[in-house]
Each structure stands twice: as structure tokens, then as C-alpha cells.
Protein backbone atom coordinates (compact mmCIF):
# COMPACT_ATOMS: atom_id res chain seq x y z
CA MET A 1 197.98 -135.64 157.32
CA VAL A 2 196.58 -138.97 156.09
CA ARG A 3 192.92 -139.37 157.10
CA ILE A 4 191.13 -142.52 158.19
CA ILE A 5 188.35 -142.98 155.59
CA ASN A 6 185.50 -145.41 155.07
CA VAL A 7 185.01 -147.76 152.13
CA GLU A 8 182.55 -145.47 150.35
CA VAL A 9 185.01 -142.56 150.41
CA ALA A 10 187.80 -144.88 149.26
CA ILE A 11 185.74 -146.07 146.28
CA ALA A 12 184.86 -142.50 145.30
CA THR A 13 188.50 -141.45 145.64
CA LEU A 14 189.80 -144.32 143.51
CA ASP A 15 187.10 -143.77 140.91
CA GLY A 16 188.08 -140.11 140.76
CA GLY A 17 191.76 -140.81 140.17
CA GLY A 18 193.10 -140.62 143.72
CA VAL A 19 195.32 -142.96 145.71
CA VAL A 20 194.24 -144.59 148.97
CA ALA A 21 195.71 -147.15 151.34
CA LEU A 22 193.61 -150.19 152.13
CA PRO A 23 193.90 -153.46 154.00
CA THR A 24 194.39 -156.64 152.01
CA ASP A 25 194.56 -160.25 153.14
CA THR A 26 198.33 -159.87 153.63
CA VAL A 27 199.40 -156.32 154.54
CA TYR A 28 198.17 -152.77 153.87
CA GLY A 29 198.61 -151.56 150.30
CA LEU A 30 198.61 -148.34 148.29
CA ALA A 31 195.97 -148.59 145.58
CA ALA A 32 195.07 -146.82 142.34
CA GLU A 33 192.46 -147.71 139.71
CA ILE A 34 194.40 -148.75 136.60
CA GLY A 35 192.23 -146.59 134.37
CA HIS A 36 193.94 -143.54 135.92
CA PRO A 37 197.60 -143.52 134.79
CA THR A 38 198.48 -140.45 136.89
CA ALA A 39 197.22 -142.21 140.02
CA VAL A 40 199.26 -145.31 139.20
CA GLU A 41 202.33 -143.11 138.77
CA THR A 42 201.61 -141.53 142.15
CA ILE A 43 202.12 -144.90 143.85
CA PHE A 44 205.71 -144.96 142.60
CA THR A 45 206.21 -141.42 143.87
CA LEU A 46 204.69 -142.08 147.29
CA LYS A 47 206.84 -145.15 147.84
CA ASP A 48 210.03 -143.74 146.27
CA ARG A 49 209.80 -146.98 144.30
CA PRO A 50 212.07 -147.46 141.26
CA ARG A 51 209.99 -147.07 138.11
CA THR A 52 211.41 -150.40 136.89
CA ARG A 53 209.79 -152.35 139.78
CA ALA A 54 206.42 -153.22 138.31
CA LEU A 55 203.20 -152.90 140.31
CA PRO A 56 200.92 -155.94 140.64
CA VAL A 57 197.18 -155.81 139.96
CA LEU A 58 194.38 -156.96 142.26
CA VAL A 59 191.26 -158.30 140.54
CA ASP A 60 188.04 -159.96 141.67
CA SER A 61 187.87 -162.58 138.90
CA VAL A 62 189.87 -164.23 136.13
CA GLY A 63 187.40 -162.59 133.77
CA GLN A 64 188.79 -159.16 134.67
CA ILE A 65 192.27 -160.38 133.73
CA GLY A 66 191.06 -161.56 130.34
CA TYR A 67 189.33 -158.23 129.77
CA LEU A 68 192.74 -156.54 130.19
CA GLY A 69 194.14 -158.65 127.35
CA ALA A 70 196.40 -160.88 129.43
CA VAL A 71 197.54 -164.27 128.10
CA TRP A 72 196.01 -166.59 130.68
CA ASN A 73 197.53 -170.02 130.12
CA GLU A 74 196.93 -173.48 131.60
CA LYS A 75 199.57 -173.10 134.33
CA ALA A 76 198.04 -169.80 135.42
CA GLN A 77 194.58 -171.35 135.62
CA LYS A 78 195.84 -174.32 137.65
CA LEU A 79 197.43 -171.97 140.17
CA ALA A 80 194.35 -169.76 140.33
CA ASP A 81 192.07 -172.76 140.89
CA ALA A 82 194.29 -173.98 143.73
CA TYR A 83 195.26 -170.76 145.51
CA TRP A 84 192.83 -167.96 144.71
CA PRO A 85 191.60 -166.06 146.50
CA GLY A 86 194.86 -165.96 148.40
CA ALA A 87 198.47 -164.89 148.69
CA LEU A 88 199.77 -165.86 145.26
CA THR A 89 200.60 -163.36 142.52
CA ILE A 90 200.61 -164.92 139.05
CA VAL A 91 202.71 -163.21 136.35
CA VAL A 92 201.54 -163.59 132.75
CA ALA A 93 202.05 -161.85 129.41
CA VAL A 94 200.03 -158.64 128.87
CA PRO A 95 199.73 -155.93 126.20
CA HIS A 96 202.65 -153.51 126.05
CA GLU A 97 200.52 -150.51 127.10
CA LEU A 98 199.43 -152.21 130.32
CA ALA A 99 202.95 -153.39 131.12
CA THR A 100 204.31 -149.88 130.61
CA LEU A 101 201.61 -148.36 132.83
CA LEU A 102 202.54 -150.74 135.65
CA GLY A 103 206.28 -150.16 135.30
CA SER A 104 207.27 -153.47 133.73
CA GLU A 105 210.29 -153.47 131.43
CA ILE A 106 208.90 -156.53 129.66
CA ASP A 107 205.34 -157.22 128.55
CA THR A 108 204.20 -159.02 131.69
CA ALA A 109 202.14 -158.22 134.77
CA GLY A 110 201.30 -159.93 138.05
CA PHE A 111 197.70 -160.54 139.11
CA ARG A 112 196.07 -161.69 142.34
CA ILE A 113 192.58 -162.19 143.78
CA PRO A 114 192.90 -161.21 147.46
CA ASP A 115 191.26 -163.26 150.18
CA ASP A 116 189.42 -160.25 151.58
CA ASP A 117 185.72 -159.69 150.97
CA VAL A 118 185.83 -155.90 151.40
CA VAL A 119 188.65 -155.37 148.91
CA ARG A 120 187.05 -157.73 146.38
CA ARG A 121 183.74 -155.86 146.65
CA MET A 122 185.59 -152.60 146.00
CA ILE A 123 187.28 -154.08 142.94
CA ALA A 124 183.96 -155.41 141.68
CA VAL A 125 182.61 -151.84 141.78
CA ILE A 126 185.53 -149.87 140.32
CA GLY A 127 187.63 -152.44 138.46
CA PRO A 128 191.20 -153.75 138.78
CA LEU A 129 193.56 -151.93 141.13
CA ALA A 130 197.30 -151.42 140.88
CA VAL A 131 198.41 -152.10 144.45
CA SER A 132 201.77 -152.14 146.19
CA SER A 133 202.52 -152.70 149.86
CA ALA A 134 202.06 -149.53 151.90
CA ASN A 135 205.62 -148.62 152.75
CA VAL A 136 208.42 -146.43 151.52
CA HIS A 137 210.67 -148.52 149.25
CA GLY A 138 213.04 -150.56 151.39
CA ALA A 139 211.01 -150.20 154.60
CA SER A 140 208.84 -152.86 156.20
CA ALA A 141 205.24 -153.15 155.05
CA CYS A 142 202.56 -151.57 157.23
CA HIS A 143 200.26 -153.89 159.17
CA SER A 144 197.75 -151.30 160.47
CA ALA A 145 196.08 -148.10 159.34
CA TYR A 146 197.98 -146.19 161.99
CA GLU A 147 201.33 -147.44 160.72
CA VAL A 148 200.31 -146.23 157.26
CA ARG A 149 199.30 -142.85 158.66
CA ASP A 150 202.61 -142.46 160.49
CA MET A 151 204.76 -143.54 157.54
CA PHE A 152 203.02 -141.29 155.01
CA GLU A 153 202.00 -138.36 157.25
CA SER A 154 203.95 -135.88 155.12
CA LYS A 155 202.68 -137.23 151.78
CA SER A 156 199.78 -135.10 150.62
CA ASP A 157 199.16 -137.32 147.56
CA LEU A 158 197.78 -140.11 149.76
CA VAL A 159 194.13 -139.20 150.31
CA GLY A 160 193.40 -141.57 153.17
CA VAL A 161 193.54 -145.07 154.60
CA VAL A 162 190.72 -147.56 155.23
CA ASP A 163 191.07 -148.98 158.73
CA GLY A 164 190.61 -152.73 158.50
CA GLY A 165 192.36 -153.56 161.75
CA GLU A 166 195.65 -155.39 162.14
CA ARG A 167 196.91 -157.28 159.09
CA SER A 168 199.75 -159.66 159.90
CA GLY A 169 199.87 -161.82 156.79
CA ASP A 170 203.03 -162.63 154.86
CA VAL A 171 203.50 -161.05 151.45
CA SER A 172 202.28 -163.07 148.49
CA THR A 173 204.48 -165.49 146.61
CA VAL A 174 205.12 -164.27 143.05
CA VAL A 175 205.36 -166.89 140.29
CA ASP A 176 206.05 -166.21 136.61
CA VAL A 177 204.31 -168.62 134.22
CA THR A 178 204.91 -166.77 130.96
CA GLY A 179 207.37 -169.31 129.56
CA GLU A 180 207.42 -173.05 129.01
CA SER A 181 208.54 -173.49 132.62
CA TRP A 182 207.77 -171.42 135.73
CA THR A 183 209.91 -169.24 137.98
CA ILE A 184 209.48 -168.00 141.55
CA LEU A 185 210.20 -164.26 141.55
CA ARG A 186 209.53 -163.79 145.29
CA GLU A 187 209.12 -166.23 148.14
CA GLY A 188 206.04 -165.58 150.21
CA ALA A 189 203.01 -167.11 151.88
CA THR A 190 202.37 -169.82 149.28
CA PRO A 191 205.09 -172.50 149.54
CA THR A 192 207.28 -173.05 146.49
CA SER A 193 207.13 -176.80 147.15
CA ALA A 194 203.35 -176.77 146.77
CA ILE A 195 203.58 -174.85 143.49
CA ALA A 196 206.19 -177.31 142.20
CA THR A 197 203.92 -180.25 143.01
CA LEU A 198 200.93 -178.64 141.33
CA LEU A 199 202.79 -177.72 138.13
CA ALA A 200 204.86 -180.91 137.88
């Protein structure tokens, strides 16, 4: 059974290569520290997620993205300045090893700074997290710790869930800025019209 755990236990679990569920500024997510490839792989297994659907990465600063070797261009910085922390995932070019770890078939990855102080403090302590919405692939995302516990009650690989109360936010918008132009890969909380105006 999935346990309710506190932030300290979650940090220790992630640092030790485990997977936990935690609240973000949008919905609950399954998280693994990207320095633990087996833990990242476990997220795919827990969700029954196709290995070709890449996992995004939560960070606490643009500096962490640069440290990972990502190509952070002018369009990415404009979007980050306008919408981070917040519900916008920015896809940029990354080294092949990182893309492969996250399940990307091309050398890109999506990054986001969440608008949640607790999650950002955790990331500041243990580093960037691969995070995907806490749900079995194809099911609705979980908005509470108890929904997570019910959905994953038979999954022993999920160590626990941090109870951050109800989370009713929309999923993040995903925008790819790797090319000369930009492309919306998923509609979400940040309006496409606003992105178009900013990057015009």
C-alpha cells in the first residue's frame, strides 16, 4: 500500500533512488531524481507509459538546465522570464544521453520551474526531477494524495506520496523552441495566444 510520507522522507527516498508522488502547482506527479536511471525507468513502469513518451524535468532554476547541457536559446529565456515559475514546459535540445534517459526519441527534453515552494525547495536540495502526472497512462491525473494512493495501491515500486492537499490546476502547456520557429506540443494552462504574442 502507498504510504503518506513527509517531505523529509520524500527527499531521502528520491536521493536514494526511489520514486515518490508529490504535489506540484498543477496536479500530483510521480518523481525520480534524474541521477538514478533505474528510478526514472520505474516511472514508465508505474504508469504503463510508452517508453517513447518522454518525461519532463522539474528544476528550480535555469542554471540547473544549463548544468545538464541543454541548449537554452533566446526564445526559451523569453518564455521562462514571462511564465516561470508556472505551468509552462519548455522543450529544448539536450545531450543524447539525457534524452535517452527521459525516453525521448530525439535529442530534446522539456523543462519547467513549478510554482510551488515546497517542490522547488526539494529540487534545490536533491537536483532536477523527472516528473510525470500521477496516473496510469490514459487515466485522469490525480488531484489529491488519496487519489494517488487509490490508483497505485497495488504498485509496490511507489514508496509513498506527500500530501499537499487538493491540487486542481490544469496541466502545463508544452512548447517546443528547438527550431527556428516554435510549436505547441500540448495545450494547457498557459494560453497559446499569449505565447504567440510573446514570441512574435
